[in-house]
Amino acid sequence: MELAEKRYEQWLAQQGLEPELRTELDTMQSDAEKITDAFYRDLEFGTAGLRGVLGAGTNRMNVYVIRRATQAVAQYLNETDLPKTVAIGHDSRIKSDVFAREAAAVFAANGITAYLYPRLEPVPALSFAVRHLHCGLGVCVTASHNPAEYNGYKATGGVGGLYKHSTNFPCLTGDGCRIAAEHGVLLEHMDYFSSAKTMDFDAALAAGSIRYIPDGVLDAFVDAVYAQRVGSGEGIANLKLVYTPLNGAGLECVKKLTQKLGIRNMTIVKEQEQPDGHFPTCPYPNPEIRQAMELGLQYCDRVRPDILIGTDPDCDRCGTAVPDGKGGY
């Protein structure tokens, strides 16, 4: 409690704090429980990176947490023999695009070239870009299938195979796999407001320190996925498919892939087609639960497809439904 209050007062006294975070701090001033929850700990790197509720505080996801985490990752990268380049992606969650730009600006300020997807793309597309562009690391801003109030920060290993016994990343697996950092080691001595280097995004873009990932990289990713297909493809033109991206990042790549596969009869769940970080149609956007797929199942009752496929917001997991032989799915 004492630590949380001390941190709260430090944030409250910070000059130039983002207005919406300032407002949130002001509203919690007389609520000790909210202060404690927001400040009693730091978000820590786990096997899926950082993940937390959006808002003001050290136990929340905000631009200061993003900058601090990115500074730590940048310092790690600059201490290795890995290429001083990083690929960055984001999904449809609230502030994902903002956090991705913030991360790119911190990398650029640390002498690291940041390749940024110009629009939301799936986590697998980011992992592919890390390898395709021969980057040292990759970062994706996403909270996967968590509820809408969450966001997160996944760091992935880059080219060069397996790295062990690093001071900051004790287990860094190469080739586009996730980084698992030892809790507390990476960030514990870093201040939220003074430790991170940053620079103007547009200036870094003009200088070439930040570069947008060209569409050719995404096309190469789709081609690589297409190359993994099995069977001859006979009869696929007759396949009836219902697909939902659950208001996430999967739509573009899935449409590109189904076109290459020769699927001509695909119905997209309209209410869940466009990116929307509020995920208004389901309790939380996990295609492994029936509630998230309920709209898709309603489409199945009308369209009678051969298969329903749903992908989560960062499009690295899916759920499916097929006819049960009894008139349902």
Protein backbone atom coordinates (compact mmCIF):
# COMPACT_ATOMS: atom_id res chain seq x y z
CA MET A 1 0.00 0.00 0.00
CA GLU A 2 2.78 2.43 0.92
CA LEU A 3 4.67 1.64 -2.31
CA ALA A 4 1.54 2.13 -4.39
CA GLU A 5 0.80 5.51 -2.81
CA LYS A 6 4.40 6.66 -3.32
CA ARG A 7 4.31 5.68 -6.98
CA TYR A 8 0.93 7.31 -7.40
CA GLU A 9 2.24 10.62 -6.05
CA GLN A 10 5.27 10.40 -8.38
CA TRP A 11 3.00 9.93 -11.41
CA LEU A 12 0.66 12.66 -10.23
CA ALA A 13 3.57 15.09 -9.99
CA GLN A 14 4.90 14.22 -13.45
CA GLN A 15 4.90 17.18 -15.85
CA GLY A 16 3.55 16.67 -19.37
CA LEU A 17 1.64 13.49 -18.54
CA GLU A 18 -0.78 12.36 -21.23
CA PRO A 19 -4.11 14.16 -20.61
CA GLU A 20 -6.29 11.06 -20.41
CA LEU A 21 -3.90 9.44 -17.94
CA ARG A 22 -3.83 12.67 -15.92
CA THR A 23 -7.63 12.61 -15.76
CA GLU A 24 -7.63 9.00 -14.63
CA LEU A 25 -5.09 9.75 -11.88
CA ASP A 26 -7.20 12.67 -10.69
CA THR A 27 -10.35 10.56 -10.49
CA MET A 28 -8.69 7.85 -8.39
CA GLN A 29 -7.21 10.31 -5.88
CA SER A 30 -9.65 9.42 -3.09
CA ASP A 31 -9.88 5.72 -3.95
CA ALA A 32 -7.13 3.82 -2.14
CA GLU A 33 -8.21 0.50 -3.66
CA LYS A 34 -7.86 1.79 -7.24
CA ILE A 35 -4.49 3.36 -6.45
CA THR A 36 -3.22 0.12 -4.99
CA ASP A 37 -4.39 -1.94 -7.95
CA ALA A 38 -2.81 0.46 -10.46
CA PHE A 39 0.54 0.85 -8.71
CA TYR A 40 1.25 -2.07 -6.36
CA ARG A 41 3.52 -3.78 -8.89
CA ASP A 42 5.21 -3.46 -12.27
CA LEU A 43 3.95 -5.46 -15.22
CA GLU A 44 6.50 -8.21 -15.78
CA PHE A 45 7.73 -10.03 -18.85
CA GLY A 46 6.33 -13.54 -18.97
CA THR A 47 6.28 -16.19 -21.67
CA ALA A 48 3.83 -14.03 -23.65
CA GLY A 49 5.55 -10.72 -22.91
CA LEU A 50 3.74 -7.95 -21.04
CA ARG A 51 -0.02 -8.01 -20.69
CA GLY A 52 -2.35 -5.83 -18.66
CA VAL A 53 -5.38 -3.57 -18.47
CA LEU A 54 -5.15 -0.22 -20.27
CA GLY A 55 -4.82 2.81 -18.01
CA ALA A 56 -2.61 4.88 -15.73
CA GLY A 57 -0.13 3.15 -13.46
CA THR A 58 2.77 0.74 -13.29
CA ASN A 59 0.38 -2.22 -13.33
CA ARG A 60 -1.31 -0.99 -16.49
CA MET A 61 -0.62 -0.74 -20.20
CA ASN A 62 0.18 2.83 -21.29
CA VAL A 63 2.77 4.71 -23.36
CA TYR A 64 5.20 4.97 -20.42
CA VAL A 65 5.15 1.23 -19.82
CA ILE A 66 5.62 0.68 -23.56
CA ARG A 67 8.57 3.08 -23.75
CA ARG A 68 10.23 1.58 -20.67
CA ALA A 69 9.85 -1.98 -21.96
CA THR A 70 11.10 -1.00 -25.43
CA GLN A 71 14.13 0.78 -23.98
CA ALA A 72 15.05 -2.40 -22.13
CA VAL A 73 14.65 -4.50 -25.27
CA ALA A 74 16.69 -1.96 -27.28
CA GLN A 75 19.51 -2.03 -24.71
CA TYR A 76 19.53 -5.80 -24.86
CA LEU A 77 19.69 -5.81 -28.65
CA ASN A 78 22.52 -3.27 -28.70
CA GLU A 79 24.54 -5.51 -26.36
CA THR A 80 24.35 -8.48 -28.73
CA ASP A 81 25.79 -9.36 -32.13
CA LEU A 82 22.28 -9.49 -33.60
CA PRO A 83 21.35 -7.14 -36.44
CA LYS A 84 20.33 -3.73 -35.16
CA THR A 85 16.93 -3.93 -36.80
CA VAL A 86 13.52 -4.81 -35.42
CA ALA A 87 10.14 -5.59 -36.99
CA ILE A 88 6.98 -4.28 -35.30
CA GLY A 89 3.33 -5.21 -35.75
CA HIS A 90 0.04 -4.61 -33.97
CA ASP A 91 -3.52 -5.89 -33.83
CA SER A 92 -6.92 -4.18 -33.55
CA ARG A 93 -6.89 -3.52 -29.82
CA ILE A 94 -7.39 -0.09 -28.33
CA LYS A 95 -4.16 1.93 -28.65
CA SER A 96 -2.27 -0.91 -30.39
CA ASP A 97 -1.37 1.39 -33.30
CA VAL A 98 -0.25 4.14 -30.89
CA PHE A 99 1.89 1.77 -28.85
CA ALA A 100 3.50 0.34 -32.00
CA ARG A 101 4.53 3.84 -33.11
CA GLU A 102 5.86 4.63 -29.63
CA ALA A 103 7.96 1.47 -29.68
CA ALA A 104 9.33 2.32 -33.14
CA ALA A 105 10.34 5.80 -31.94
CA VAL A 106 12.24 4.37 -28.96
CA PHE A 107 14.09 1.85 -31.13
CA ALA A 108 14.99 4.62 -33.59
CA ALA A 109 16.34 6.81 -30.77
CA ASN A 110 18.57 3.91 -29.74
CA GLY A 111 20.13 3.57 -33.20
CA ILE A 112 17.98 0.59 -34.18
CA THR A 113 16.11 0.61 -37.48
CA ALA A 114 12.44 -0.18 -36.92
CA TYR A 115 10.40 -1.87 -39.67
CA LEU A 116 6.74 -1.20 -38.96
CA TYR A 117 3.73 -2.81 -40.59
CA PRO A 118 1.67 0.11 -41.97
CA ARG A 119 -1.60 -1.45 -40.76
CA LEU A 120 -2.67 -4.18 -38.39
CA GLU A 121 -1.44 -7.67 -39.28
CA PRO A 122 -1.40 -11.09 -37.57
CA VAL A 123 1.32 -12.18 -35.14
CA PRO A 124 2.47 -14.91 -37.57
CA ALA A 125 2.98 -12.22 -40.24
CA LEU A 126 5.17 -10.33 -37.77
CA SER A 127 7.19 -13.46 -36.98
CA PHE A 128 7.66 -13.99 -40.72
CA ALA A 129 8.79 -10.39 -41.22
CA VAL A 130 11.44 -10.78 -38.49
CA ARG A 131 13.05 -13.59 -40.49
CA HIS A 132 12.33 -12.24 -43.97
CA LEU A 133 13.92 -8.87 -43.17
CA HIS A 134 16.76 -10.48 -41.15
CA CYS A 135 15.89 -8.50 -38.04
CA GLY A 136 17.47 -8.92 -34.66
CA LEU A 137 14.13 -8.93 -32.87
CA GLY A 138 10.41 -8.45 -33.34
CA VAL A 139 7.70 -6.78 -31.29
CA CYS A 140 3.94 -7.19 -31.61
CA VAL A 141 1.49 -5.03 -29.66
CA THR A 142 -1.39 -7.35 -28.78
CA ALA A 143 -3.19 -8.98 -25.87
CA SER A 144 -4.18 -11.97 -27.96
CA HIS A 145 -7.68 -13.17 -26.97
CA ASN A 146 -7.99 -11.30 -23.65
CA PRO A 147 -11.02 -9.06 -22.94
CA ALA A 148 -11.22 -5.64 -24.61
CA GLU A 149 -9.78 -3.67 -21.68
CA TYR A 150 -6.41 -5.43 -22.10
CA ASN A 151 -3.42 -4.82 -24.30
CA GLY A 152 0.05 -6.32 -24.39
CA TYR A 153 3.56 -6.35 -25.78
CA LYS A 154 5.10 -9.52 -27.22
CA ALA A 155 8.82 -9.61 -27.96
CA THR A 156 10.14 -12.31 -30.29
CA GLY A 157 13.61 -13.58 -31.07
CA GLY A 158 15.28 -12.83 -34.37
CA VAL A 159 17.81 -14.33 -36.72
CA GLY A 160 20.80 -16.29 -35.61
CA GLY A 161 19.49 -19.30 -33.75
CA LEU A 162 19.48 -19.83 -29.99
CA TYR A 163 20.92 -17.41 -27.46
CA LYS A 164 21.32 -18.36 -23.81
CA HIS A 165 22.69 -16.91 -20.58
CA SER A 166 22.02 -13.30 -21.53
CA THR A 167 21.85 -10.92 -18.58
CA ASN A 168 18.53 -9.55 -19.77
CA PHE A 169 16.96 -12.38 -21.75
CA PRO A 170 18.04 -15.67 -20.14
CA CYS A 171 16.04 -17.66 -22.69
CA LEU A 172 15.92 -16.05 -26.11
CA THR A 173 14.79 -18.40 -28.82
CA GLY A 174 15.60 -17.34 -32.37
CA ASP A 175 13.72 -17.68 -35.62
CA GLY A 176 10.63 -15.71 -34.68
CA CYS A 177 9.73 -17.44 -31.41
CA ARG A 178 8.71 -15.66 -28.22
CA ILE A 179 11.16 -14.28 -25.71
CA ALA A 180 10.79 -15.44 -22.12
CA ALA A 181 12.62 -13.05 -19.82
CA GLU A 182 13.47 -13.71 -16.21
CA HIS A 183 11.02 -11.73 -14.08
CA GLY A 184 12.36 -8.46 -12.71
CA VAL A 185 15.82 -8.60 -14.28
CA LEU A 186 14.96 -6.74 -17.46
CA LEU A 187 13.15 -3.68 -16.12
CA GLU A 188 13.65 -3.37 -12.38
CA HIS A 189 16.12 -0.45 -12.42
CA MET A 190 14.42 1.57 -15.14
CA ASP A 191 12.39 4.72 -14.48
CA TYR A 192 9.09 5.14 -16.32
CA PHE A 193 9.73 8.72 -17.37
CA SER A 194 13.47 9.28 -17.67
CA SER A 195 15.02 5.97 -18.77
CA ALA A 196 13.61 5.65 -22.28
CA LYS A 197 15.14 7.46 -25.22
CA THR A 198 12.63 8.52 -27.84
CA MET A 199 12.31 10.80 -30.85
CA ASP A 200 9.69 12.30 -33.11
CA PHE A 201 8.07 9.54 -35.18
CA ASP A 202 7.78 11.56 -38.39
CA ALA A 203 11.37 12.77 -38.13
CA ALA A 204 12.58 9.19 -37.68
CA LEU A 205 10.47 8.11 -40.64
CA ALA A 206 11.96 10.85 -42.82
CA ALA A 207 15.48 9.88 -41.72
CA GLY A 208 14.92 6.19 -42.53
CA SER A 209 15.27 5.08 -38.91
CA ILE A 210 11.64 3.95 -39.10
CA ARG A 211 10.51 2.24 -42.29
CA TYR A 212 7.17 0.79 -43.27
CA ILE A 213 7.25 -2.89 -44.14
CA PRO A 214 6.41 -3.19 -47.87
CA ASP A 215 3.38 -5.16 -49.02
CA GLY A 216 5.72 -7.61 -50.73
CA VAL A 217 6.69 -9.00 -47.32
CA LEU A 218 3.05 -9.74 -46.50
CA ASP A 219 2.58 -11.36 -49.89
CA ALA A 220 5.66 -13.51 -49.25
CA PHE A 221 4.13 -14.57 -45.92
CA VAL A 222 0.88 -15.60 -47.60
CA ASP A 223 2.87 -17.50 -50.24
CA ALA A 224 4.77 -19.31 -47.47
CA VAL A 225 1.52 -20.33 -45.79
CA TYR A 226 0.06 -21.40 -49.14
CA ALA A 227 3.09 -23.62 -49.70
CA GLN A 228 2.12 -25.65 -46.60
CA ARG A 229 -1.20 -26.80 -48.10
CA VAL A 230 -1.90 -30.51 -48.34
CA GLY A 231 -3.81 -32.45 -50.97
CA SER A 232 -4.47 -31.63 -54.60
CA GLY A 233 -7.09 -28.97 -53.96
CA GLU A 234 -9.63 -30.90 -55.96
CA GLY A 235 -13.17 -29.73 -55.18
CA ILE A 236 -12.10 -26.69 -53.19
CA ALA A 237 -14.00 -24.38 -55.54
CA ASN A 238 -17.18 -25.99 -54.20
CA LEU A 239 -16.26 -25.49 -50.53
CA LYS A 240 -18.60 -23.22 -48.59
CA LEU A 241 -16.83 -21.31 -45.84
CA VAL A 242 -18.02 -18.88 -43.17
CA TYR A 243 -15.19 -16.85 -41.64
CA THR A 244 -15.00 -14.38 -38.78
CA PRO A 245 -11.90 -12.38 -37.77
CA LEU A 246 -13.71 -11.44 -34.51
CA ASN A 247 -13.01 -7.75 -35.23
CA GLY A 248 -9.30 -8.54 -35.24
CA ALA A 249 -6.31 -8.62 -37.58
CA GLY A 250 -6.95 -11.76 -39.62
CA LEU A 251 -9.13 -10.50 -42.45
CA GLU A 252 -6.52 -9.32 -44.98
CA CYS A 253 -4.29 -12.40 -44.82
CA VAL A 254 -7.18 -14.85 -44.72
CA LYS A 255 -8.78 -13.25 -47.78
CA LYS A 256 -5.46 -13.32 -49.66
CA LEU A 257 -4.93 -16.98 -48.76
CA THR A 258 -8.44 -18.19 -49.58
CA GLN A 259 -8.23 -16.49 -52.97
CA LYS A 260 -4.93 -18.28 -53.70
CA LEU A 261 -6.45 -21.58 -52.56
CA GLY A 262 -9.32 -21.14 -55.00
CA ILE A 263 -12.12 -20.79 -52.43
CA ARG A 264 -14.90 -18.91 -54.18
CA ASN A 265 -17.74 -19.23 -51.71
CA MET A 266 -16.72 -17.46 -48.49
CA THR A 267 -19.17 -15.57 -46.30
CA ILE A 268 -17.68 -13.16 -43.76
CA VAL A 269 -19.53 -12.45 -40.53
CA LYS A 270 -20.38 -8.81 -41.20
CA GLU A 271 -20.74 -7.73 -37.58
CA GLN A 272 -17.21 -8.98 -36.82
CA GLU A 273 -15.52 -8.10 -40.11
CA GLN A 274 -13.91 -4.72 -39.39
CA PRO A 275 -11.25 -4.08 -36.73
CA ASP A 276 -12.79 -2.96 -33.44
CA GLY A 277 -10.84 -3.13 -30.20
CA HIS A 278 -14.03 -2.97 -28.16
CA PHE A 279 -15.09 -6.41 -29.50
CA PRO A 280 -18.77 -5.49 -29.14
CA THR A 281 -20.28 -8.83 -30.14
CA CYS A 282 -18.74 -11.25 -27.63
CA PRO A 283 -17.62 -11.32 -23.97
CA TYR A 284 -14.02 -11.80 -25.04
CA PRO A 285 -12.65 -12.63 -28.49
CA ASN A 286 -11.45 -16.20 -28.06
CA PRO A 287 -12.65 -18.40 -30.95
CA GLU A 288 -12.21 -21.44 -28.70
CA ILE A 289 -15.34 -20.46 -26.74
CA ARG A 290 -18.83 -20.85 -28.15
CA GLN A 291 -19.97 -17.35 -27.11
CA ALA A 292 -17.37 -15.73 -29.38
CA MET A 293 -18.47 -17.91 -32.30
CA GLU A 294 -22.21 -17.50 -31.71
CA LEU A 295 -22.74 -15.01 -34.54
CA GLY A 296 -20.78 -17.27 -36.89
CA LEU A 297 -22.97 -20.18 -35.86
CA GLN A 298 -26.06 -18.10 -36.62
CA TYR A 299 -24.63 -17.51 -40.09
CA CYS A 300 -24.14 -21.27 -40.39
CA ASP A 301 -27.86 -21.80 -39.78
CA ARG A 302 -28.60 -19.57 -42.78
CA VAL A 303 -25.68 -20.28 -45.14
CA ARG A 304 -25.18 -23.99 -44.34
CA PRO A 305 -21.41 -23.97 -44.98
CA ASP A 306 -19.03 -26.90 -44.90
CA ILE A 307 -16.97 -25.19 -42.19
CA LEU A 308 -16.91 -22.14 -39.93
CA ILE A 309 -13.52 -20.67 -39.02
CA GLY A 310 -12.86 -17.90 -36.50
CA THR A 311 -9.53 -16.29 -35.61
CA ASP A 312 -8.64 -14.31 -32.50
CA PRO A 313 -7.61 -10.59 -32.61
CA ASP A 314 -3.95 -11.25 -33.43
CA CYS A 315 -4.84 -14.25 -35.62
CA ASP A 316 -2.56 -16.81 -34.02
CA ARG A 317 -5.31 -19.15 -32.84
CA CYS A 318 -8.53 -20.33 -34.42
CA GLY A 319 -11.75 -22.12 -33.67
CA THR A 320 -13.77 -24.18 -36.13
CA ALA A 321 -17.24 -25.64 -36.40
CA VAL A 322 -18.39 -28.35 -38.82
CA PRO A 323 -21.74 -30.02 -39.49
CA ASP A 324 -22.63 -32.54 -36.76
CA GLY A 325 -24.79 -34.69 -39.03
CA LYS A 326 -27.91 -33.75 -37.05
CA GLY A 327 -28.60 -30.41 -38.68
CA GLY A 328 -26.36 -28.42 -36.36
CA TYR A 329 -22.67 -27.52 -36.03
